[in-house]
Every structure is written in C-alpha cells, then in structure tokens.
Amino acid sequence: MKSLYFLVFLICFLGGESHAQQTQEFNSGWKCRQASLVAVDGSTLSVPAYDTKDWMPAVVPGTVLTTLLKNGKIPDPFNGMNNDSIPDISVAGNGAYTYWFVSDFKKAVAKDDQVWLDFRGINYGCDIYVNGKKVNQQQLNGMYLRRAFNITAYLNKNGVNRLAVIVYPPDPCGMPNGGQGGDGTIAHNVCNQYVAGWDWIQPIRDRNTGIWDKVFLHTTQTVRVSNTHIVTRVQGIRKTEGAQAPAIIAVTTEIENTSDRVVTGMVKYATEGTTDQQKVTLQPGEKKLIVFADKKINQPRLWWPNGYGAQNMYGLSVQFIGDKGKISDEEKLSFGIREIQTPWNATTDSREIRVNGQRIFVKGGNWILSDAMLRFSKERYDAELRMQRDMNLNMIRVWGGGITERPEFYDACDKYGLLVFQDFWVSGDCNGRWFDPLKKED
C-alpha cells in the first residue's frame, strides 16, 4: 500500500437509522429484467398495467449477481472455479448488467400527506420512474448517493402504484488484469475498488451493480424533518463509574416546507429529561437548518469502548408540530454520549486516541466486507461485530477499497463498543505516482 493516499477519518458514528412518521421498506416483491430485453421505456414500463409476470424475482437490497444466483442463472462464484464461467462486464459490455427493477406497491394519499421515496444506495447510475413519470431530471450517479424524492403528485388515486428503476454499472468498469483494483480505471467512479479484483479476491463480474442498499417510502405531513445531527461534548478526564460531571449535547436538524403556502409551527426535540423547541415560519418550498441551543445533561451515562466501560445509548426524537398541534413529521435516532480526541503523542510519535479524556490502548482489526456480493442484514452485522467484541478488539479500520458501510454496521459498533477508523477512498489508479505495469494510466 506504499504511497497510497487515503482520506481517513476517525468517526464516532451516532448510530440509529432515522425514521419518518410512517415508514414502509421496499424489501420484497421486486422483479427485474436485463434492459436490452425490455422493448419499452420507463414511462411505459412504470405504469401498473404493463405486464411483468415473466420477469425474474429480484433481490433488493442486492446486486444483479445476487438476483441471478438466487434464480439459478449463474453458479455460485465462490465455489471452485465457478467465477470463470460468469461473463465479466469488461468483456460482455455494460449492457450485460444494465437491468430494470420494478416494484408494485399500494399507497393511497390522504389529505395533507406527503410521500417520499428514499434511496440509501444504488450502484452506479440510475433513472427512476413512478406511474409513468420520471422522478429524477438527470441521471443520478454515485454508489453512496442518498436521495429523497417527493412523489406525492405521481401516486394514483386508487392506491395502486409502480416504481421502476433502471440501474447502470460503473463506467469505466475496469479491466480485471490481476492488479489491485484491476487496471485501476474503476477508480474514476465513486464506488468500491475490490470488484475489479485484488490480491485477496477474484473480480466481481457485475462490479456490484444494483440497488445494493435499502429503499424506503416515508409519509409525512406538510413539513419534513431530516438529517438530524448530534454532537456530544464530554469535558475533562472521566471515569467509567461513579458520579459524572455534566456533558453537553448540540443538536441540529433540517426542516422542509413542501407546500405553496407559508407554514408556522414548532420544531421540538426531546431526550431523557432534556427538551428544546423553536417556533419557526417557513416560506413556500423553504428548507431551513435549525440549530438548537447547547444543552447540559446531568449525570450522563457515558459510552465507552469495549473493555473500558458500558456502551450506554440514549434515544432522541425531533418533531415538527403544526399550528394546530398536529405532528407533521418525526425523526428518531439513538446516540452515545462520548467525546473522541486524537492528539499527537510526542513520545510515541504517533496519533493517540482518547475517549472521554481517557487514553485508549487500541486493539484494532482490519475490516474488509465479509460478503463480496453485499448480502448483509442487521442480524449478520450483529453477529460479525459481536465476534470482533469477543476477540477483545475495541477498534475497526474499514478498508477504503471496500464499501462505506450501512447504518446497521455502525449501530452494531455502537452496541459492542467498537470505534471505527473509516477510510474513504481517494484513488486506486496510482495516477503515475509510482511504476505499476498493471495500471492502464501509469
């Protein structure tokens, strides 16, 4: 890994998957078909009357290969030499793994309802249609792009609806020539690098193309609450037991008025014994960042790394309450009260990790995602990170050539006392920095 530069952050994730007032997860009932075999465009395909009965059942969240394996269309690439019999995208072309995914769903819109379609991750590009209407104006690109779309106006009055998403692979897809990250060109995309092959894995033939993370339908009223952020400050050197001096929490959130009228209401957050609220007026279509005053938490139950103390967690909810006292939307999440510092230690000439003022003896492991076809669940994350805890580790470094993990991963790290040293990949193409005959752009 010499001379390879990473953008590296030590992250103490808040944890907690955020939820709107009503949440429906699209985790079943999906169908898919290779786009080259579909004769119509998205505006026709996404109409519920269009016949998809002969389409394959699709795995979402998942990848194209996940679906093909589930339907017996390919052999298991992790058994024997099976991977050699699966066409690689660099030879078969991007069209071989460009797929339409459709999902029929029932959703009737009540008065003042606002319905949001939320994506947590599609690899790599996509166009989205609902009931014959294109949702995104321009093609979306980026494996980690999270987007929310207000689809209220697209929903049918009878409550019968269809979502259709065409997913395009990364371009360039990279040539799997035996190099780390193949010939390096896949690094031009904002996506994982191992899929073109590495020194520990064979190339993943579809490059993880697909709706690889969760899809949600959120229902709110006129004002939506989103992107709540909590910062906790724990001053001084703390002990794991006994009386605690106060800690400070700082909360921000975003609210958005979806209507064409002025809206006035109250933004309120609450956590154990601590509340704050602000009266807010939003202009039509306005989105506003709300910054609450810092709050003191007396006798805080602190979060500690594995082996140092308990992993205490708090719950917090943020609401927008309209002028008639009705909750328009609510976001809930969990967080630990802790402060992480990374001063430079002049004696060891290295970074030092402190949590709540205490110096931590780091016992870390390198985390490379455990399934190259991204078949993860909350239960799987919990089991695998529990094993990290049972090995007496207290930190995980997430390798940058893999993925930026899902929220369920960080929730499990919170649960088991694992700090996360998260790499964010800058470039795997070496960019002429050193000689590598396997790189196309040496």
Protein backbone atom coordinates (compact mmCIF):
# COMPACT_ATOMS: atom_id res chain seq x y z
CA MET A 1 0.00 0.00 0.00
CA LYS A 2 3.08 2.25 -0.21
CA SER A 3 2.47 5.82 -1.31
CA LEU A 4 -1.26 5.16 -1.50
CA TYR A 5 -3.17 8.04 -0.05
CA PHE A 6 -6.38 7.66 1.86
CA LEU A 7 -8.76 10.27 3.10
CA VAL A 8 -9.12 8.90 6.58
CA PHE A 9 -11.49 9.98 9.32
CA LEU A 10 -11.83 8.63 12.82
CA ILE A 11 -15.58 8.53 13.15
CA CYS A 12 -17.69 8.12 16.25
CA PHE A 13 -20.97 7.43 14.49
CA LEU A 14 -24.16 8.46 16.18
CA GLY A 15 -25.85 5.25 15.09
CA GLY A 16 -29.55 4.87 14.70
CA GLU A 17 -31.44 4.62 11.48
CA SER A 18 -33.71 7.66 11.13
CA HIS A 19 -37.40 7.12 10.52
CA ALA A 20 -40.10 9.46 9.33
CA GLN A 21 -43.65 9.45 10.76
CA GLN A 22 -44.66 6.40 8.70
CA THR A 23 -42.11 4.15 7.03
CA GLN A 24 -42.52 1.37 4.50
CA GLU A 25 -39.48 -0.60 3.40
CA PHE A 26 -39.26 -1.99 -0.14
CA ASN A 27 -37.70 -5.34 0.74
CA SER A 28 -39.84 -7.81 -1.18
CA GLY A 29 -41.90 -8.15 -4.34
CA TRP A 30 -39.25 -6.75 -6.69
CA LYS A 31 -38.84 -8.06 -10.24
CA CYS A 32 -36.10 -7.41 -12.76
CA ARG A 33 -35.04 -7.96 -16.36
CA GLN A 34 -32.00 -7.14 -18.44
CA ALA A 35 -32.65 -3.74 -20.03
CA SER A 36 -31.74 -4.92 -23.54
CA LEU A 37 -34.69 -7.33 -23.38
CA VAL A 38 -37.19 -4.61 -22.48
CA ALA A 39 -38.74 -3.00 -25.56
CA VAL A 40 -40.39 -0.04 -23.81
CA ASP A 41 -39.07 2.97 -21.95
CA GLY A 42 -39.54 3.83 -18.31
CA SER A 43 -42.66 5.90 -18.83
CA THR A 44 -44.46 2.82 -20.20
CA LEU A 45 -42.80 0.22 -18.01
CA SER A 46 -43.68 2.05 -14.78
CA VAL A 47 -47.42 2.00 -15.49
CA PRO A 48 -49.00 -0.70 -13.27
CA ALA A 49 -50.90 -2.18 -16.24
CA TYR A 50 -47.69 -3.13 -18.06
CA ASP A 51 -47.22 -6.89 -17.79
CA THR A 52 -44.13 -8.06 -15.88
CA LYS A 53 -45.35 -11.53 -14.89
CA ASP A 54 -42.50 -13.23 -16.78
CA TRP A 55 -39.79 -11.17 -15.09
CA MET A 56 -37.34 -12.67 -12.58
CA PRO A 57 -37.88 -12.15 -8.85
CA ALA A 58 -35.21 -9.66 -7.77
CA VAL A 59 -33.21 -9.34 -4.57
CA VAL A 60 -33.35 -5.79 -3.18
CA PRO A 61 -31.21 -4.75 -1.43
CA GLY A 62 -28.83 -6.69 -3.60
CA THR A 63 -26.84 -6.80 -6.81
CA VAL A 64 -27.53 -8.20 -10.26
CA LEU A 65 -25.38 -11.23 -9.45
CA THR A 66 -27.30 -11.74 -6.21
CA THR A 67 -30.51 -11.97 -8.22
CA LEU A 68 -29.02 -14.18 -10.94
CA LEU A 69 -27.66 -16.59 -8.32
CA LYS A 70 -30.99 -16.64 -6.47
CA ASN A 71 -32.73 -17.61 -9.71
CA GLY A 72 -30.16 -20.26 -10.67
CA LYS A 73 -28.93 -18.30 -13.69
CA ILE A 74 -25.27 -18.44 -12.61
CA PRO A 75 -23.26 -20.85 -10.45
CA ASP A 76 -22.05 -19.75 -7.05
CA PRO A 77 -18.95 -17.67 -7.87
CA PHE A 78 -17.35 -18.55 -4.53
CA ASN A 79 -17.30 -22.29 -5.19
CA GLY A 80 -14.37 -23.84 -7.05
CA MET A 81 -13.62 -22.18 -10.38
CA ASN A 82 -17.25 -21.11 -10.97
CA ASN A 83 -16.35 -17.45 -11.23
CA ASP A 84 -14.53 -18.16 -14.51
CA SER A 85 -17.79 -19.24 -16.13
CA ILE A 86 -19.60 -15.96 -15.37
CA PRO A 87 -19.17 -13.28 -18.09
CA ASP A 88 -17.10 -10.33 -16.92
CA ILE A 89 -18.55 -6.92 -17.67
CA SER A 90 -15.28 -5.78 -19.27
CA VAL A 91 -15.84 -8.40 -21.99
CA ALA A 92 -19.63 -8.71 -22.10
CA GLY A 93 -20.16 -4.94 -22.02
CA ASN A 94 -22.11 -2.75 -19.63
CA GLY A 95 -25.38 -3.78 -21.26
CA ALA A 96 -24.98 -7.30 -19.86
CA TYR A 97 -25.51 -5.96 -16.35
CA THR A 98 -27.80 -2.98 -17.04
CA TYR A 99 -31.14 -4.01 -15.51
CA TRP A 100 -34.63 -2.72 -14.91
CA PHE A 101 -36.03 -3.26 -11.40
CA VAL A 102 -39.76 -2.83 -10.72
CA SER A 103 -41.86 -2.93 -7.58
CA ASP A 104 -45.64 -2.63 -7.33
CA PHE A 105 -46.91 -1.04 -4.13
CA LYS A 106 -50.12 0.19 -2.60
CA LYS A 107 -50.23 3.69 -1.24
CA ALA A 108 -53.24 5.95 -1.08
CA VAL A 109 -52.62 9.60 -0.30
CA ALA A 110 -54.70 11.12 2.47
CA LYS A 111 -55.29 14.83 2.88
CA ASP A 112 -52.07 16.76 3.61
CA ASP A 113 -49.96 13.61 3.14
CA GLN A 114 -46.55 13.99 1.56
CA VAL A 115 -44.97 10.76 0.33
CA TRP A 116 -41.20 10.46 -0.08
CA LEU A 117 -39.19 7.85 -1.94
CA ASP A 118 -35.80 7.44 -0.25
CA PHE A 119 -32.77 5.58 -1.61
CA ARG A 120 -29.77 4.67 0.55
CA GLY A 121 -27.54 3.41 -2.27
CA ILE A 122 -27.64 2.43 -5.95
CA ASN A 123 -24.56 1.28 -7.85
CA TYR A 124 -23.85 3.04 -10.06
CA GLY A 125 -26.15 5.20 -12.18
CA CYS A 126 -29.94 5.19 -12.28
CA ASP A 127 -33.13 6.68 -13.66
CA ILE A 128 -36.30 6.44 -11.59
CA TYR A 129 -39.94 6.32 -12.70
CA VAL A 130 -43.23 6.21 -10.79
CA ASN A 131 -46.53 5.59 -12.57
CA GLY A 132 -45.29 6.74 -15.96
CA LYS A 133 -43.45 9.82 -14.69
CA LYS A 134 -39.70 10.26 -14.49
CA VAL A 135 -38.72 11.28 -10.97
CA ASN A 136 -35.13 12.49 -11.50
CA GLN A 137 -34.46 15.07 -14.18
CA GLN A 138 -30.87 13.93 -14.81
CA GLN A 139 -29.26 10.53 -14.42
CA LEU A 140 -28.02 10.02 -10.87
CA ASN A 141 -24.52 8.62 -10.37
CA GLY A 142 -22.52 7.52 -7.34
CA MET A 143 -22.63 4.37 -5.25
CA TYR A 144 -23.16 6.24 -1.97
CA LEU A 145 -25.57 8.89 -3.18
CA ARG A 146 -28.56 9.11 -0.86
CA ARG A 147 -31.58 10.90 -2.25
CA ALA A 148 -35.16 11.60 -1.23
CA PHE A 149 -37.87 12.36 -3.79
CA ASN A 150 -41.32 13.76 -3.08
CA ILE A 151 -43.54 11.51 -5.23
CA THR A 152 -46.92 12.62 -3.85
CA ALA A 153 -48.03 14.10 -7.15
CA TYR A 154 -47.12 10.89 -9.03
CA LEU A 155 -49.24 8.49 -6.97
CA ASN A 156 -52.51 7.11 -8.31
CA LYS A 157 -55.75 7.91 -6.56
CA ASN A 158 -56.74 4.24 -6.43
CA GLY A 159 -53.60 3.49 -4.41
CA VAL A 160 -52.12 1.09 -6.99
CA ASN A 161 -48.63 2.21 -7.99
CA ARG A 162 -45.43 1.04 -9.62
CA LEU A 163 -41.81 2.04 -9.11
CA ALA A 164 -39.34 1.29 -11.92
CA VAL A 165 -35.58 1.88 -11.67
CA ILE A 166 -33.03 1.26 -14.42
CA VAL A 167 -29.56 0.68 -12.96
CA TYR A 168 -26.37 1.25 -14.95
CA PRO A 169 -22.99 -0.29 -13.99
CA PRO A 170 -19.90 1.80 -13.14
CA ASP A 171 -18.27 3.29 -16.25
CA PRO A 172 -15.40 2.70 -16.71
CA CYS A 173 -15.85 -0.76 -15.20
CA GLY A 174 -12.13 -1.56 -15.06
CA MET A 175 -10.21 -4.42 -16.63
CA PRO A 176 -9.52 -7.33 -14.22
CA ASN A 177 -5.91 -7.91 -15.24
CA GLY A 178 -4.64 -9.22 -11.91
CA GLY A 179 -3.77 -5.84 -10.46
CA GLN A 180 -5.10 -4.44 -7.22
CA GLY A 181 -8.28 -2.85 -8.44
CA GLY A 182 -7.60 -4.34 -11.87
CA ASP A 183 -6.17 -1.81 -14.28
CA GLY A 184 -7.14 0.98 -11.89
CA THR A 185 -9.70 2.70 -14.10
CA ILE A 186 -12.68 1.76 -11.94
CA ALA A 187 -11.25 4.33 -9.51
CA HIS A 188 -12.66 7.06 -11.77
CA ASN A 189 -16.03 6.22 -10.18
CA VAL A 190 -17.15 6.90 -6.63
CA CYS A 191 -17.54 3.24 -5.74
CA ASN A 192 -15.77 0.21 -4.29
CA GLN A 193 -12.44 -0.83 -5.78
CA TYR A 194 -12.12 -4.52 -4.93
CA VAL A 195 -14.75 -5.51 -7.52
CA ALA A 196 -12.16 -5.37 -10.32
CA GLY A 197 -10.07 -7.86 -8.36
CA TRP A 198 -7.43 -7.55 -5.65
CA ASP A 199 -4.67 -9.68 -4.22
CA TRP A 200 -7.24 -11.41 -1.99
CA ILE A 201 -10.25 -11.75 -4.29
CA GLN A 202 -11.22 -12.51 -7.86
CA PRO A 203 -13.15 -9.87 -9.85
CA ILE A 204 -16.87 -9.49 -9.18
CA ARG A 205 -18.34 -9.84 -12.64
CA ASP A 206 -21.13 -7.26 -12.35
CA ARG A 207 -19.00 -4.84 -10.26
CA ASN A 208 -21.78 -4.92 -7.61
CA THR A 209 -24.27 -3.25 -9.96
CA GLY A 210 -27.73 -2.99 -8.40
CA ILE A 211 -29.96 -1.40 -5.77
CA TRP A 212 -27.49 -2.51 -3.13
CA ASP A 213 -28.91 -0.66 -0.12
CA LYS A 214 -32.39 -0.15 1.27
CA VAL A 215 -35.31 1.71 -0.31
CA PHE A 216 -37.99 3.35 1.82
CA LEU A 217 -41.34 5.06 1.42
CA HIS A 218 -41.82 7.79 4.05
CA THR A 219 -45.11 9.54 4.72
CA THR A 220 -45.16 12.95 6.38
CA GLN A 221 -47.45 15.93 6.54
CA THR A 222 -46.58 19.33 5.08
CA VAL A 223 -43.18 19.72 6.76
CA ARG A 224 -40.50 17.04 6.67
CA VAL A 225 -37.77 16.61 9.31
CA SER A 226 -34.45 15.12 8.16
CA ASN A 227 -30.69 14.92 8.70
CA THR A 228 -30.74 15.39 12.45
CA HIS A 229 -27.17 15.67 13.76
CA ILE A 230 -25.99 15.33 17.35
CA VAL A 231 -22.62 16.37 18.73
CA THR A 232 -21.73 15.39 22.30
CA ARG A 233 -19.02 17.08 24.36
CA VAL A 234 -17.55 15.48 27.47
CA GLN A 235 -15.03 17.76 29.13
CA GLY A 236 -12.19 16.61 31.35
CA ILE A 237 -10.86 13.15 32.15
CA ARG A 238 -13.78 10.93 33.10
CA LYS A 239 -14.04 7.65 34.96
CA THR A 240 -16.32 4.82 33.92
CA GLU A 241 -18.14 4.62 37.24
CA GLY A 242 -19.38 6.97 39.94
CA ALA A 243 -20.78 10.47 39.77
CA GLN A 244 -20.30 12.30 36.49
CA ALA A 245 -19.93 15.98 35.74
CA PRO A 246 -22.41 17.24 33.15
CA ALA A 247 -21.99 16.66 29.41
CA ILE A 248 -23.18 18.87 26.58
CA ILE A 249 -25.26 17.91 23.56
CA ALA A 250 -25.67 20.09 20.48
CA VAL A 251 -28.49 19.25 18.07
CA THR A 252 -29.24 20.46 14.55
CA THR A 253 -31.91 19.33 12.13
CA GLU A 254 -33.34 20.27 8.74
CA ILE A 255 -36.98 21.01 8.03
CA GLU A 256 -38.61 21.45 4.62
CA ASN A 257 -41.94 23.03 3.72
CA THR A 258 -43.39 21.09 0.79
CA SER A 259 -46.41 23.33 0.30
CA ASP A 260 -47.03 26.52 -1.68
CA ARG A 261 -48.12 28.42 1.43
CA VAL A 262 -46.43 29.90 4.49
CA VAL A 263 -46.29 27.41 7.36
CA THR A 264 -45.75 28.23 11.03
CA GLY A 265 -45.08 25.65 13.71
CA MET A 266 -42.81 24.36 16.44
CA VAL A 267 -39.63 22.31 16.00
CA LYS A 268 -39.03 20.27 19.13
CA TYR A 269 -36.54 17.67 20.26
CA ALA A 270 -36.58 15.54 23.37
CA THR A 271 -34.17 13.16 25.04
CA GLU A 272 -34.25 11.86 28.60
CA GLY A 273 -35.25 14.85 30.66
CA THR A 274 -33.94 17.36 28.15
CA THR A 275 -36.08 19.23 25.63
CA ASP A 276 -35.82 22.28 23.44
CA GLN A 277 -38.11 23.89 20.92
CA GLN A 278 -38.18 26.76 18.46
CA LYS A 279 -41.06 28.47 16.75
CA VAL A 280 -40.41 28.58 13.02
CA THR A 281 -42.05 30.17 10.00
CA LEU A 282 -41.29 28.60 6.63
CA GLN A 283 -41.90 30.24 3.29
CA PRO A 284 -43.37 28.13 0.45
CA GLY A 285 -40.87 25.45 -0.53
CA GLU A 286 -38.31 26.66 2.02
CA LYS A 287 -35.76 24.32 3.58
CA LYS A 288 -34.15 25.52 6.79
CA LEU A 289 -31.38 24.35 9.13
CA ILE A 290 -32.48 24.53 12.76
CA VAL A 291 -29.73 24.96 15.35
CA PHE A 292 -30.82 24.29 18.92
CA ALA A 293 -29.04 25.79 21.91
CA ASP A 294 -26.47 23.58 23.61
CA LYS A 295 -28.00 21.56 26.42
CA LYS A 296 -26.48 20.24 29.62
CA ILE A 297 -27.00 16.58 30.51
CA ASN A 298 -26.58 15.98 34.23
CA GLN A 299 -25.11 12.69 35.44
CA PRO A 300 -24.64 11.41 31.89
CA ARG A 301 -24.35 7.67 31.29
CA LEU A 302 -21.25 7.71 29.10
CA TRP A 303 -20.39 5.42 26.18
CA TRP A 304 -17.06 3.63 26.41
CA PRO A 305 -15.04 1.41 24.07
CA ASN A 306 -15.05 -2.34 24.64
CA GLY A 307 -13.08 -3.22 27.76
CA TYR A 308 -13.26 0.25 29.30
CA GLY A 309 -16.88 0.58 30.38
CA ALA A 310 -20.51 0.26 29.36
CA GLN A 311 -21.91 1.12 25.94
CA ASN A 312 -24.75 3.34 27.13
CA MET A 313 -27.05 4.75 24.46
CA TYR A 314 -29.70 7.46 24.50
CA GLY A 315 -32.76 7.95 22.34
CA LEU A 316 -33.75 11.27 20.77
CA SER A 317 -36.74 12.39 18.74
CA VAL A 318 -37.25 15.54 16.69
CA GLN A 319 -40.73 16.68 15.69
CA PHE A 320 -42.29 19.43 13.67
CA ILE A 321 -45.64 20.33 15.21
CA GLY A 322 -48.05 22.41 13.14
CA ASP A 323 -50.05 25.36 14.40
CA LYS A 324 -52.99 23.04 15.17
CA GLY A 325 -50.88 20.80 17.38
CA LYS A 326 -50.56 18.00 14.80
CA ILE A 327 -47.22 16.26 14.33
CA SER A 328 -46.14 16.79 10.72
CA ASP A 329 -43.08 14.56 10.91
CA GLU A 330 -40.81 12.92 13.45
CA GLU A 331 -37.27 11.63 13.23
CA LYS A 332 -35.94 9.19 15.82
CA LEU A 333 -32.37 8.11 16.40
CA SER A 334 -30.03 6.81 19.08
CA PHE A 335 -26.67 8.19 20.19
CA GLY A 336 -23.94 7.69 22.73
CA ILE A 337 -22.62 10.47 24.92
CA ARG A 338 -18.86 10.46 24.34
CA GLU A 339 -16.09 12.68 23.09
CA ILE A 340 -13.22 11.39 20.96
CA GLN A 341 -9.94 13.26 20.65
CA THR A 342 -6.91 12.37 18.54
CA PRO A 343 -3.91 14.40 19.77
CA TRP A 344 -0.38 13.71 18.63
CA ASN A 345 1.73 11.80 21.16
CA ALA A 346 5.26 13.23 21.09
CA THR A 347 6.70 10.22 22.93
CA THR A 348 5.45 7.57 20.52
CA ASP A 349 5.49 9.98 17.57
CA SER A 350 2.03 8.82 16.56
CA ARG A 351 -1.67 9.55 16.86
CA GLU A 352 -3.19 8.97 20.29
CA ILE A 353 -6.84 8.08 20.81
CA ARG A 354 -8.75 9.44 23.78
CA VAL A 355 -12.36 8.76 24.69
CA ASN A 356 -13.97 10.90 27.38
CA GLY A 357 -10.47 12.12 28.25
CA GLN A 358 -9.08 8.62 28.86
CA ARG A 359 -6.21 7.37 26.71
CA ILE A 360 -7.26 4.19 24.91
CA PHE A 361 -4.95 1.27 24.21
CA VAL A 362 -6.14 0.49 20.71
CA LYS A 363 -6.65 -3.16 19.81
CA GLY A 364 -7.82 -2.97 16.24
CA GLY A 365 -8.64 -5.17 13.29
CA ASN A 366 -8.89 -4.55 9.57
CA TRP A 367 -12.45 -4.83 8.27
CA ILE A 368 -12.93 -5.98 4.71
CA LEU A 369 -16.58 -6.61 3.94
CA SER A 370 -17.38 -10.25 4.59
CA ASP A 371 -19.52 -10.84 1.51
CA ALA A 372 -18.41 -9.56 -1.89
CA MET A 373 -21.99 -9.74 -3.20
CA LEU A 374 -23.21 -7.44 -0.40
CA ARG A 375 -25.66 -9.94 1.14
CA PHE A 376 -25.93 -8.27 4.52
CA SER A 377 -28.62 -7.94 7.15
CA LYS A 378 -28.92 -6.38 10.57
CA GLU A 379 -28.60 -9.85 12.08
CA ARG A 380 -25.45 -10.67 10.12
CA TYR A 381 -23.78 -7.40 11.06
CA ASP A 382 -24.69 -8.01 14.70
CA ALA A 383 -23.15 -11.49 14.70
CA GLU A 384 -19.96 -10.49 12.91
CA LEU A 385 -19.31 -7.43 15.05
CA ARG A 386 -20.12 -9.37 18.20
CA MET A 387 -17.24 -11.65 17.22
CA GLN A 388 -14.97 -8.61 16.96
CA ARG A 389 -16.01 -7.71 20.50
CA ASP A 390 -15.42 -11.28 21.66
CA MET A 391 -11.85 -11.08 20.31
CA ASN A 392 -11.38 -8.16 22.72
CA LEU A 393 -10.98 -5.61 19.93
CA ASN A 394 -12.05 -2.03 20.51
CA MET A 395 -11.47 -0.52 17.05
CA ILE A 396 -12.14 -1.50 13.46
CA ARG A 397 -10.47 0.08 10.45
CA VAL A 398 -12.83 -0.12 7.48
CA TRP A 399 -10.63 -0.64 4.43
CA GLY A 400 -11.15 2.02 1.79
CA GLY A 401 -11.20 -0.34 -1.16
CA GLY A 402 -14.39 -1.88 0.16
CA ILE A 403 -17.63 -0.02 0.88
CA THR A 404 -18.68 2.78 3.15
CA GLU A 405 -20.79 0.59 5.37
CA ARG A 406 -24.52 0.66 6.01
CA PRO A 407 -26.07 2.27 9.13
CA GLU A 408 -26.73 -1.19 10.61
CA PHE A 409 -22.96 -1.76 10.71
CA TYR A 410 -22.35 1.38 12.77
CA ASP A 411 -25.29 0.56 15.05
CA ALA A 412 -23.64 -2.76 15.89
CA CYS A 413 -20.33 -0.98 16.51
CA ASP A 414 -22.13 1.27 18.98
CA LYS A 415 -23.67 -1.78 20.65
CA TYR A 416 -20.39 -3.67 21.06
CA GLY A 417 -18.05 -0.79 21.91
CA LEU A 418 -16.11 -0.62 18.67
CA LEU A 419 -14.54 2.61 17.47
CA VAL A 420 -14.48 2.98 13.68
CA PHE A 421 -11.48 4.18 11.70
CA GLN A 422 -13.20 4.73 8.35
CA ASP A 423 -11.24 5.03 5.12
CA PHE A 424 -12.84 6.98 2.28
CA TRP A 425 -11.19 6.00 -0.97
CA VAL A 426 -9.44 8.75 -2.88
CA SER A 427 -7.98 6.86 -5.82
CA GLY A 428 -6.80 3.38 -6.67
CA ASP A 429 -5.39 4.20 -10.10
CA CYS A 430 -1.95 5.31 -8.77
CA ASN A 431 -2.12 8.25 -11.17
CA GLY A 432 1.51 7.93 -12.23
CA ARG A 433 2.79 8.20 -8.67
CA TRP A 434 4.81 5.02 -8.97
CA PHE A 435 5.52 2.41 -11.61
CA ASP A 436 2.89 -0.32 -11.90
CA PRO A 437 2.69 -2.15 -15.22
CA LEU A 438 -0.81 -3.41 -14.40
CA LYS A 439 -2.26 0.11 -14.31
CA LYS A 440 -3.63 1.49 -17.53
CA GLU A 441 -2.76 5.08 -16.63
CA ASP A 442 0.65 4.56 -15.06
